């Protein structure tokens, strides 16, 4: 007889891997586009998300808004629908300044940032292991960004392809912070259906992309990506569709796995990204990038393991007290 819990775990892991693969493919397709512009990708992703997710919603979900009773919950809702699109924008912008696999890896440090934000905003205790994970993640980001002021004595030179890679690392870090803020806000409004929330996120993604494209048009008086070929346009449309599926898979994975489990599984986006980058010889990556990736992923796994272990110990203590 099949264990229902193991079956649910397996389904959740598959959805998590699907989310990671879709995110890696989004960056891969964006890098293949000539004259890549993040706003066109935001617009196509937002359009696909709204179209696909609207049909999956039902009218009963709208009644959940009535449960928002105070200012904190209202602010949490706004943060939840705005932070993920902002994270996507920062990530898509970072792809212009840093290797895409490195950008994806830095973004995975969001679970570590969430610990720091929970301590600052929610007054949750910051354990010694949390501090250790934050230091590991921060060191990993430094290894990937490689600021010359710190690494020049090791013979690290400025990358001709990405002279502003520190800016790319900073934007990827902002994406991680936005995801962490989303996680904090989501905890305040758990009563709102994830599907409905993701539909609003898709709409905000479309709005942000359209506003960005409009501002670029006003400042430059030129349409974005004027030299795009049909092949480039197809890549952008396909990348937007794949990114829309990231929203859908992200909804599904949290139905089967805990937040910690889900975040741990989704760190596989780094492995998928480096595999694609290496297989297609898109961009070179250094030993420092691999070291930084290892530190960030290790910090996530340590944080996840401690959370799960402590939860298990706490549950065991509760069961023992009930038995007594």
Protein backbone atom coordinates (compact mmCIF):
# COMPACT_ATOMS: atom_id res chain seq x y z
CA UNK A 1 0.00 0.00 0.00
CA UNK A 2 1.31 3.45 -0.99
CA UNK A 3 2.05 5.79 1.91
CA UNK A 4 -0.06 8.96 1.27
CA UNK A 5 2.51 11.22 2.94
CA UNK A 6 5.35 9.88 0.80
CA UNK A 7 3.18 10.24 -2.29
CA UNK A 8 2.44 13.89 -1.44
CA UNK A 9 6.13 14.53 -0.77
CA UNK A 10 7.03 13.05 -4.16
CA UNK A 11 4.44 15.17 -5.97
CA UNK A 12 5.65 18.28 -4.11
CA UNK A 13 9.28 17.56 -5.01
CA UNK A 14 8.34 17.16 -8.68
CA UNK A 15 6.51 20.50 -8.64
CA UNK A 16 9.49 22.12 -6.90
CA UNK A 17 11.90 20.74 -9.50
CA UNK A 18 9.51 21.94 -12.22
CA UNK A 19 9.56 25.44 -10.73
CA UNK A 20 13.36 25.43 -10.60
CA UNK A 21 13.70 24.11 -14.16
CA UNK A 22 11.25 26.70 -15.51
CA UNK A 23 13.13 29.52 -13.79
CA UNK A 24 16.46 28.26 -15.16
CA UNK A 25 14.96 27.99 -18.67
CA UNK A 26 13.57 31.53 -18.40
CA UNK A 27 17.03 32.96 -17.79
CA UNK A 28 18.53 30.69 -20.46
CA UNK A 29 16.05 31.87 -23.13
CA UNK A 30 16.51 35.49 -22.08
CA UNK A 31 20.27 35.18 -22.56
CA UNK A 32 19.74 33.80 -26.07
CA UNK A 33 17.76 36.90 -27.05
CA UNK A 34 19.63 39.55 -29.00
CA UNK A 35 19.34 42.96 -27.30
CA UNK A 36 17.60 41.42 -24.31
CA UNK A 37 15.37 43.84 -22.38
CA UNK A 38 13.88 42.89 -18.99
CA UNK A 39 10.66 44.86 -19.53
CA UNK A 40 9.57 42.88 -22.59
CA UNK A 41 10.02 39.69 -20.59
CA UNK A 42 7.99 41.17 -17.71
CA UNK A 43 5.16 42.09 -20.10
CA UNK A 44 4.99 38.68 -21.77
CA UNK A 45 5.26 36.86 -18.44
CA UNK A 46 2.52 39.03 -16.93
CA UNK A 47 0.21 38.46 -19.91
CA UNK A 48 0.69 34.69 -19.82
CA UNK A 49 0.23 34.59 -16.03
CA UNK A 50 -3.02 36.57 -16.06
CA UNK A 51 -4.46 34.52 -18.93
CA UNK A 52 -3.52 31.13 -17.46
CA UNK A 53 -4.31 31.83 -13.80
CA UNK A 54 -7.58 33.68 -14.36
CA UNK A 55 -9.17 30.54 -15.78
CA UNK A 56 -8.00 28.52 -12.76
CA UNK A 57 -9.63 30.85 -10.23
CA UNK A 58 -13.23 30.74 -9.05
CA UNK A 59 -15.60 33.45 -7.79
CA UNK A 60 -15.62 32.05 -4.24
CA UNK A 61 -11.95 32.98 -3.87
CA UNK A 62 -12.82 36.69 -4.01
CA UNK A 63 -14.75 36.37 -0.74
CA UNK A 64 -11.43 35.83 1.02
CA UNK A 65 -10.70 39.57 0.79
CA UNK A 66 -13.37 40.15 3.42
CA UNK A 67 -11.11 38.48 5.97
CA UNK A 68 -8.57 41.33 5.70
CA UNK A 69 -9.42 43.21 8.87
CA UNK A 70 -6.54 45.51 9.82
CA UNK A 71 -3.77 47.66 8.41
CA UNK A 72 -1.07 45.02 9.00
CA UNK A 73 -2.94 42.45 6.91
CA UNK A 74 -3.60 45.06 4.21
CA UNK A 75 0.11 45.95 4.05
CA UNK A 76 0.99 42.26 4.00
CA UNK A 77 -1.32 41.71 1.03
CA UNK A 78 0.25 44.60 -0.89
CA UNK A 79 3.74 43.28 -0.08
CA UNK A 80 2.74 39.77 -1.17
CA UNK A 81 1.49 40.82 -4.59
CA UNK A 82 4.23 43.38 -5.28
CA UNK A 83 7.42 41.76 -3.97
CA UNK A 84 7.47 38.74 -6.30
CA UNK A 85 7.09 40.89 -9.46
CA UNK A 86 9.79 43.22 -8.13
CA UNK A 87 12.01 40.19 -7.49
CA UNK A 88 11.46 39.10 -11.11
CA UNK A 89 12.29 42.61 -12.35
CA UNK A 90 15.52 42.80 -10.34
CA UNK A 91 16.52 39.31 -11.50
CA UNK A 92 15.79 40.08 -15.17
CA UNK A 93 17.75 43.33 -14.89
CA UNK A 94 20.66 41.51 -13.25
CA UNK A 95 20.99 39.24 -16.30
CA UNK A 96 22.44 42.21 -18.21
CA UNK A 97 25.32 42.57 -15.74
CA UNK A 98 26.24 39.09 -14.52
CA UNK A 99 26.27 35.48 -15.71
CA UNK A 100 22.76 34.15 -15.44
CA UNK A 101 23.66 31.06 -13.39
CA UNK A 102 25.38 33.30 -10.83
CA UNK A 103 22.32 35.57 -10.67
CA UNK A 104 20.03 32.58 -10.09
CA UNK A 105 22.29 31.31 -7.31
CA UNK A 106 22.42 34.61 -5.42
CA UNK A 107 18.63 34.80 -5.50
CA UNK A 108 18.43 31.47 -3.63
CA UNK A 109 19.77 33.15 -0.48
CA UNK A 110 16.24 34.49 0.16
CA UNK A 111 15.52 31.97 2.95
CA UNK A 112 18.56 33.29 4.84
CA UNK A 113 17.40 36.90 4.41
CA UNK A 114 13.96 35.89 5.68
CA UNK A 115 15.54 34.91 9.02
CA UNK A 116 17.11 38.35 9.35
CA UNK A 117 13.89 40.13 8.36
CA UNK A 118 11.85 38.00 10.76
CA UNK A 119 14.22 39.10 13.52
CA UNK A 120 14.00 42.79 12.57
CA UNK A 121 10.28 43.02 11.70
CA UNK A 122 8.60 40.23 13.66
CA UNK A 123 10.99 40.20 16.64
CA UNK A 124 11.60 36.47 16.16
CA UNK A 125 14.75 35.14 17.90
CA UNK A 126 17.90 34.97 15.79
CA UNK A 127 19.74 31.75 16.58
CA UNK A 128 23.47 31.23 16.27
CA UNK A 129 22.92 28.96 13.26
CA UNK A 130 20.95 31.77 11.58
CA UNK A 131 23.90 34.11 11.98
CA UNK A 132 26.20 31.41 10.60
CA UNK A 133 23.94 30.91 7.55
CA UNK A 134 23.76 34.67 6.93
CA UNK A 135 27.57 34.90 7.01
CA UNK A 136 27.88 31.89 4.65
CA UNK A 137 25.38 33.37 2.19
CA UNK A 138 27.01 36.80 2.34
CA UNK A 139 30.45 35.27 1.71
CA UNK A 140 29.00 33.32 -1.21
CA UNK A 141 27.61 36.51 -2.74
CA UNK A 142 31.03 38.17 -2.36
CA UNK A 143 32.72 35.23 -4.11
CA UNK A 144 30.32 35.45 -7.04
CA UNK A 145 30.36 39.26 -7.36
CA UNK A 146 34.16 39.39 -6.81
CA UNK A 147 34.64 43.10 -5.98
CA UNK A 148 38.17 44.03 -7.03
CA UNK A 149 38.83 45.92 -3.80
CA UNK A 150 38.68 42.57 -1.96
CA UNK A 151 39.88 40.08 -4.59
CA UNK A 152 42.51 42.01 -6.51
CA UNK A 153 45.34 40.53 -4.44
CA UNK A 154 44.18 37.05 -5.58
CA UNK A 155 44.80 37.95 -9.21
CA UNK A 156 41.12 38.54 -10.02
CA UNK A 157 40.75 40.94 -12.96
CA UNK A 158 37.77 42.86 -14.26
CA UNK A 159 35.57 40.77 -16.55
CA UNK A 160 35.40 42.36 -20.00
CA UNK A 161 31.99 40.82 -20.69
CA UNK A 162 30.58 41.89 -17.34
CA UNK A 163 32.49 44.94 -16.03
CA UNK A 164 29.53 45.78 -13.75
CA UNK A 165 29.06 42.32 -12.26
CA UNK A 166 28.90 43.84 -8.77
CA UNK A 167 25.75 45.67 -9.90
CA UNK A 168 24.35 42.37 -11.18
CA UNK A 169 25.08 40.71 -7.85
CA UNK A 170 23.45 43.62 -6.02
CA UNK A 171 20.29 43.36 -8.15
CA UNK A 172 20.16 39.59 -7.59
CA UNK A 173 20.51 40.23 -3.87
CA UNK A 174 17.60 42.70 -4.05
CA UNK A 175 15.56 39.95 -5.70
CA UNK A 176 16.38 37.65 -2.78
CA UNK A 177 15.35 40.33 -0.28
CA UNK A 178 12.04 40.87 -2.13
CA UNK A 179 11.30 37.14 -1.97
CA UNK A 180 12.10 37.19 1.76
CA UNK A 181 9.71 40.13 2.28
CA UNK A 182 7.06 38.20 0.34
CA UNK A 183 7.55 35.23 2.67
CA UNK A 184 7.15 37.45 5.74
CA UNK A 185 4.03 39.11 4.35
CA UNK A 186 2.51 35.82 3.22
CA UNK A 187 2.63 34.52 6.78
CA UNK A 188 0.24 37.31 7.82
CA UNK A 189 -2.42 36.43 5.22
CA UNK A 190 -2.33 32.65 5.01
CA UNK A 191 -6.14 32.64 4.65
CA UNK A 192 -5.91 34.03 1.08
CA UNK A 193 -5.71 31.35 -1.60
CA UNK A 194 -2.31 31.08 -3.30
CA UNK A 195 -3.91 30.82 -6.73
CA UNK A 196 -5.72 34.12 -6.29
CA UNK A 197 -2.58 35.75 -4.91
CA UNK A 198 -0.52 34.57 -7.87
CA UNK A 199 -3.09 35.99 -10.30
CA UNK A 200 -2.63 39.41 -8.71
CA UNK A 201 1.15 38.91 -8.89
CA UNK A 202 0.84 38.25 -12.62
CA UNK A 203 -1.21 41.43 -13.06
CA UNK A 204 1.37 43.49 -11.13
CA UNK A 205 4.14 41.91 -13.24
CA UNK A 206 2.34 43.10 -16.38
CA UNK A 207 1.85 46.59 -14.96
CA UNK A 208 5.49 46.94 -13.83
CA UNK A 209 6.78 45.74 -17.19
CA UNK A 210 4.49 48.12 -19.09
CA UNK A 211 5.48 51.08 -16.91
CA UNK A 212 9.17 50.29 -17.36
CA UNK A 213 8.81 50.03 -21.14
CA UNK A 214 6.87 53.32 -21.22
CA UNK A 215 9.55 55.12 -19.19
CA UNK A 216 12.28 53.78 -21.49
CA UNK A 217 10.28 55.00 -24.50
CA UNK A 218 9.91 58.48 -22.96
CA UNK A 219 13.60 58.78 -22.06
CA UNK A 220 15.07 57.39 -25.29
CA UNK A 221 12.27 58.02 -27.82
CA UNK A 222 13.03 54.58 -29.19
CA UNK A 223 11.02 51.34 -28.90
CA UNK A 224 12.59 48.66 -26.73
CA UNK A 225 14.47 45.93 -28.59
CA UNK A 226 14.24 47.60 -32.04
CA UNK A 227 16.69 45.15 -33.64
CA UNK A 228 14.81 42.03 -32.57
CA UNK A 229 14.42 39.32 -35.18
CA UNK A 230 11.48 36.92 -35.33
CA UNK A 231 13.68 34.37 -33.57
CA UNK A 232 14.35 36.82 -30.71
CA UNK A 233 10.65 37.63 -30.35
CA UNK A 234 9.81 33.93 -30.18
CA UNK A 235 12.44 33.45 -27.46
CA UNK A 236 10.91 36.31 -25.42
CA UNK A 237 7.37 34.93 -25.84
CA UNK A 238 8.54 31.44 -24.89
CA UNK A 239 10.52 32.78 -21.90
CA UNK A 240 7.43 34.64 -20.70
CA UNK A 241 5.32 31.50 -20.99
CA UNK A 242 7.88 29.42 -19.10
CA UNK A 243 8.11 32.06 -16.37
CA UNK A 244 4.31 32.05 -16.07
CA UNK A 245 4.51 28.33 -15.33
CA UNK A 246 6.90 29.23 -12.50
CA UNK A 247 3.93 30.94 -10.80
CA UNK A 248 1.74 27.86 -11.29
CA UNK A 249 4.34 25.36 -10.07
CA UNK A 250 5.09 27.66 -7.14
CA UNK A 251 1.41 27.46 -6.15
CA UNK A 252 1.36 23.69 -6.36
CA UNK A 253 4.58 22.98 -4.47
CA UNK A 254 3.36 24.73 -1.29
CA UNK A 255 0.25 22.53 -1.28
CA UNK A 256 2.37 19.41 -0.75
CA UNK A 257 5.54 20.60 1.03
CA UNK A 258 6.35 22.95 3.88
CA UNK A 259 7.97 26.30 3.15
CA UNK A 260 11.39 25.03 4.24
CA UNK A 261 11.11 21.85 2.17
CA UNK A 262 9.91 23.83 -0.86
CA UNK A 263 12.71 26.38 -0.65
CA UNK A 264 15.32 23.64 -0.34
CA UNK A 265 14.03 21.78 -3.40
CA UNK A 266 13.87 24.98 -5.45
CA UNK A 267 17.56 25.69 -4.86
CA UNK A 268 18.11 23.12 -7.62
CA UNK A 269 17.65 26.07 -10.00
CA UNK A 270 21.37 26.73 -9.45
CA UNK A 271 22.28 23.22 -10.65
CA UNK A 272 19.97 23.52 -13.68
CA UNK A 273 21.39 26.97 -14.53
CA UNK A 274 25.03 25.93 -14.31
CA UNK A 275 24.25 22.76 -16.31
CA UNK A 276 22.63 24.78 -19.13
CA UNK A 277 25.40 27.38 -19.03
CA UNK A 278 28.06 24.67 -19.27
CA UNK A 279 26.26 22.43 -21.81
CA UNK A 280 25.72 25.25 -24.32
CA UNK A 281 29.03 27.04 -23.57
CA UNK A 282 27.12 30.28 -23.07
CA UNK A 283 29.36 31.94 -20.51
CA UNK A 284 32.47 31.04 -18.59
CA UNK A 285 32.32 30.56 -14.85
CA UNK A 286 35.20 30.56 -12.41
CA UNK A 287 36.20 28.57 -9.37
CA UNK A 288 35.06 31.51 -7.23
CA UNK A 289 31.56 31.27 -8.73
CA UNK A 290 31.37 27.58 -7.87
CA UNK A 291 32.68 28.32 -4.37
CA UNK A 292 30.10 31.05 -3.88
CA UNK A 293 27.35 28.79 -5.18
CA UNK A 294 28.41 26.05 -2.76
CA UNK A 295 28.38 28.46 0.19
CA UNK A 296 24.91 29.84 -0.63
CA UNK A 297 23.37 26.41 -1.24
CA UNK A 298 25.03 25.07 1.92
CA UNK A 299 23.60 27.94 3.96
CA UNK A 300 20.11 27.12 2.64
CA UNK A 301 20.48 23.41 3.42
CA UNK A 302 21.85 24.09 6.92
CA UNK A 303 19.00 26.51 7.60
CA UNK A 304 16.45 24.00 6.26
CA UNK A 305 17.91 21.07 8.21
CA UNK A 306 17.92 23.01 11.48
CA UNK A 307 14.35 24.20 10.94
CA UNK A 308 13.09 20.72 10.16
CA UNK A 309 15.04 19.10 13.01
CA UNK A 310 13.85 21.66 15.55
CA UNK A 311 10.28 21.28 14.32
CA UNK A 312 10.56 17.51 14.70
CA UNK A 313 11.98 17.80 18.22
CA UNK A 314 9.29 20.31 19.19
CA UNK A 315 6.52 18.07 17.83
CA UNK A 316 7.98 15.09 19.72
CA UNK A 317 7.99 17.07 22.95
CA UNK A 318 4.35 18.02 22.42
CA UNK A 319 3.40 14.37 21.78
CA UNK A 320 5.32 13.23 24.86
CA UNK A 321 3.55 15.84 27.00
CA UNK A 322 0.17 14.70 25.67
CA UNK A 323 1.02 11.07 26.42
CA UNK A 324 2.06 11.95 29.95
